[in-house]
Protein backbone atom coordinates (compact mmCIF):
# COMPACT_ATOMS: atom_id res chain seq x y z
CA UNK A 1 96.95 144.89 96.46
CA UNK A 2 99.03 141.73 96.11
CA UNK A 3 97.65 138.47 96.07
CA UNK A 4 99.78 135.52 97.02
CA UNK A 5 99.35 131.75 96.58
CA UNK A 6 100.25 129.35 99.24
CA UNK A 7 101.02 126.10 97.58
CA UNK A 8 100.35 123.12 100.20
CA UNK A 9 102.46 120.66 101.18
CA UNK A 10 106.15 120.23 100.29
CA UNK A 11 108.28 118.22 97.90
CA UNK A 12 108.86 114.97 99.52
CA UNK A 13 112.67 115.17 99.36
CA UNK A 14 112.86 117.94 101.31
CA UNK A 15 113.15 115.25 104.10
CA UNK A 16 115.39 112.96 102.51
CA UNK A 17 119.17 112.54 101.85
CA UNK A 18 120.25 113.37 98.51
CA UNK A 19 121.06 110.90 96.14
CA UNK A 20 119.42 107.95 98.13
CA UNK A 21 117.60 105.49 96.71
CA UNK A 22 113.94 107.13 97.62
CA UNK A 23 114.91 110.09 96.73
CA UNK A 24 115.65 109.40 93.47
CA UNK A 25 112.86 107.47 93.47
CA UNK A 26 110.86 111.01 94.18
CA UNK A 27 112.78 112.51 91.58
CA UNK A 28 111.64 110.04 89.16
CA UNK A 29 108.53 110.28 89.91
CA UNK A 30 108.19 114.11 90.07
CA UNK A 31 109.44 114.36 86.60
CA UNK A 32 107.49 111.43 85.08
CA UNK A 33 104.61 111.41 87.17
CA UNK A 34 102.34 111.77 84.02
CA UNK A 35 102.63 107.75 83.61
CA UNK A 36 101.16 107.13 86.72
CA UNK A 37 102.28 105.21 89.91
CA UNK A 38 103.64 101.57 89.15
CA UNK A 39 101.10 98.47 89.91
CA UNK A 40 101.90 95.31 91.42
CA UNK A 41 99.68 92.15 91.58
CA UNK A 42 100.34 90.12 94.47
CA UNK A 43 99.29 86.75 94.66
CA UNK A 44 98.66 85.10 98.23
CA UNK A 45 99.06 81.28 98.99
CA UNK A 46 100.50 80.04 95.60
CA UNK A 47 102.15 76.95 95.63
CA UNK A 48 105.01 77.46 92.57
CA UNK A 49 105.70 73.74 92.87
CA UNK A 50 102.29 73.47 90.98
CA UNK A 51 102.52 73.31 87.56
CA UNK A 52 99.41 74.69 86.62
CA UNK A 53 100.08 78.05 88.72
CA UNK A 54 102.74 79.12 86.88
CA UNK A 55 101.69 79.13 83.16
CA UNK A 56 98.50 80.80 84.77
CA UNK A 57 100.37 83.60 86.04
CA UNK A 58 102.10 84.07 82.76
CA UNK A 59 98.92 83.88 81.26
CA UNK A 60 97.31 86.75 83.54
CA UNK A 61 100.36 88.91 82.87
CA UNK A 62 99.77 88.65 78.97
CA UNK A 63 95.93 89.31 79.57
CA UNK A 64 96.79 92.75 81.24
CA UNK A 65 99.35 93.29 78.80
CA UNK A 66 96.10 93.76 76.36
CA UNK A 67 94.49 96.42 78.47
CA UNK A 68 96.08 99.32 76.40
CA UNK A 69 93.63 102.06 77.83
CA UNK A 70 94.27 101.34 81.03
CA UNK A 71 97.68 99.89 81.49
CA UNK A 72 100.79 101.21 79.88
CA UNK A 73 103.49 98.99 78.69
CA UNK A 74 105.80 97.32 79.84
CA UNK A 75 104.34 94.89 81.84
CA UNK A 76 107.25 93.08 83.71
CA UNK A 77 106.66 89.22 85.17
CA UNK A 78 109.05 87.60 86.79
CA UNK A 79 107.19 84.18 86.18
CA UNK A 80 109.01 83.02 82.59
CA UNK A 81 112.13 83.66 84.04
CA UNK A 82 111.26 81.57 87.30
CA UNK A 83 109.94 78.89 84.51
CA UNK A 84 113.19 78.66 82.38
CA UNK A 85 114.81 78.33 86.16
CA UNK A 86 113.18 75.54 87.32
CA UNK A 87 112.51 73.33 83.96
CA UNK A 88 115.58 71.66 83.44
CA UNK A 89 115.66 71.73 79.37
CA UNK A 90 114.98 75.25 79.43
CA UNK A 91 117.97 77.74 78.39
CA UNK A 92 119.02 78.63 81.74
CA UNK A 93 119.37 75.18 83.11
CA UNK A 94 123.53 75.09 82.46
CA UNK A 95 123.68 78.65 84.13
CA UNK A 96 121.76 77.89 87.05
CA UNK A 97 122.70 74.24 87.52
CA UNK A 98 119.18 73.08 87.28
CA UNK A 99 119.21 69.21 86.75
């Protein structure tokens, strides 16, 4: 007597439009799934105009990057770019029109 194995669940892309952003996301996740899901760290009620907060968030991102056994690099953070954007003497001053 033959034995059959029933695979539970369907690939998410069966119900998606090929070439759509979410389809491509699931294809990448299926192909590179061993890397694990992305992780997002969200801060609540942060005053971005307070000069202490942005460097503190940069420091948190730097500390996360040192957790090599738990978090795989690269670690992306928008706060360094934001700090350059709001700083009149930074490299983006002319490009962004900050004064």
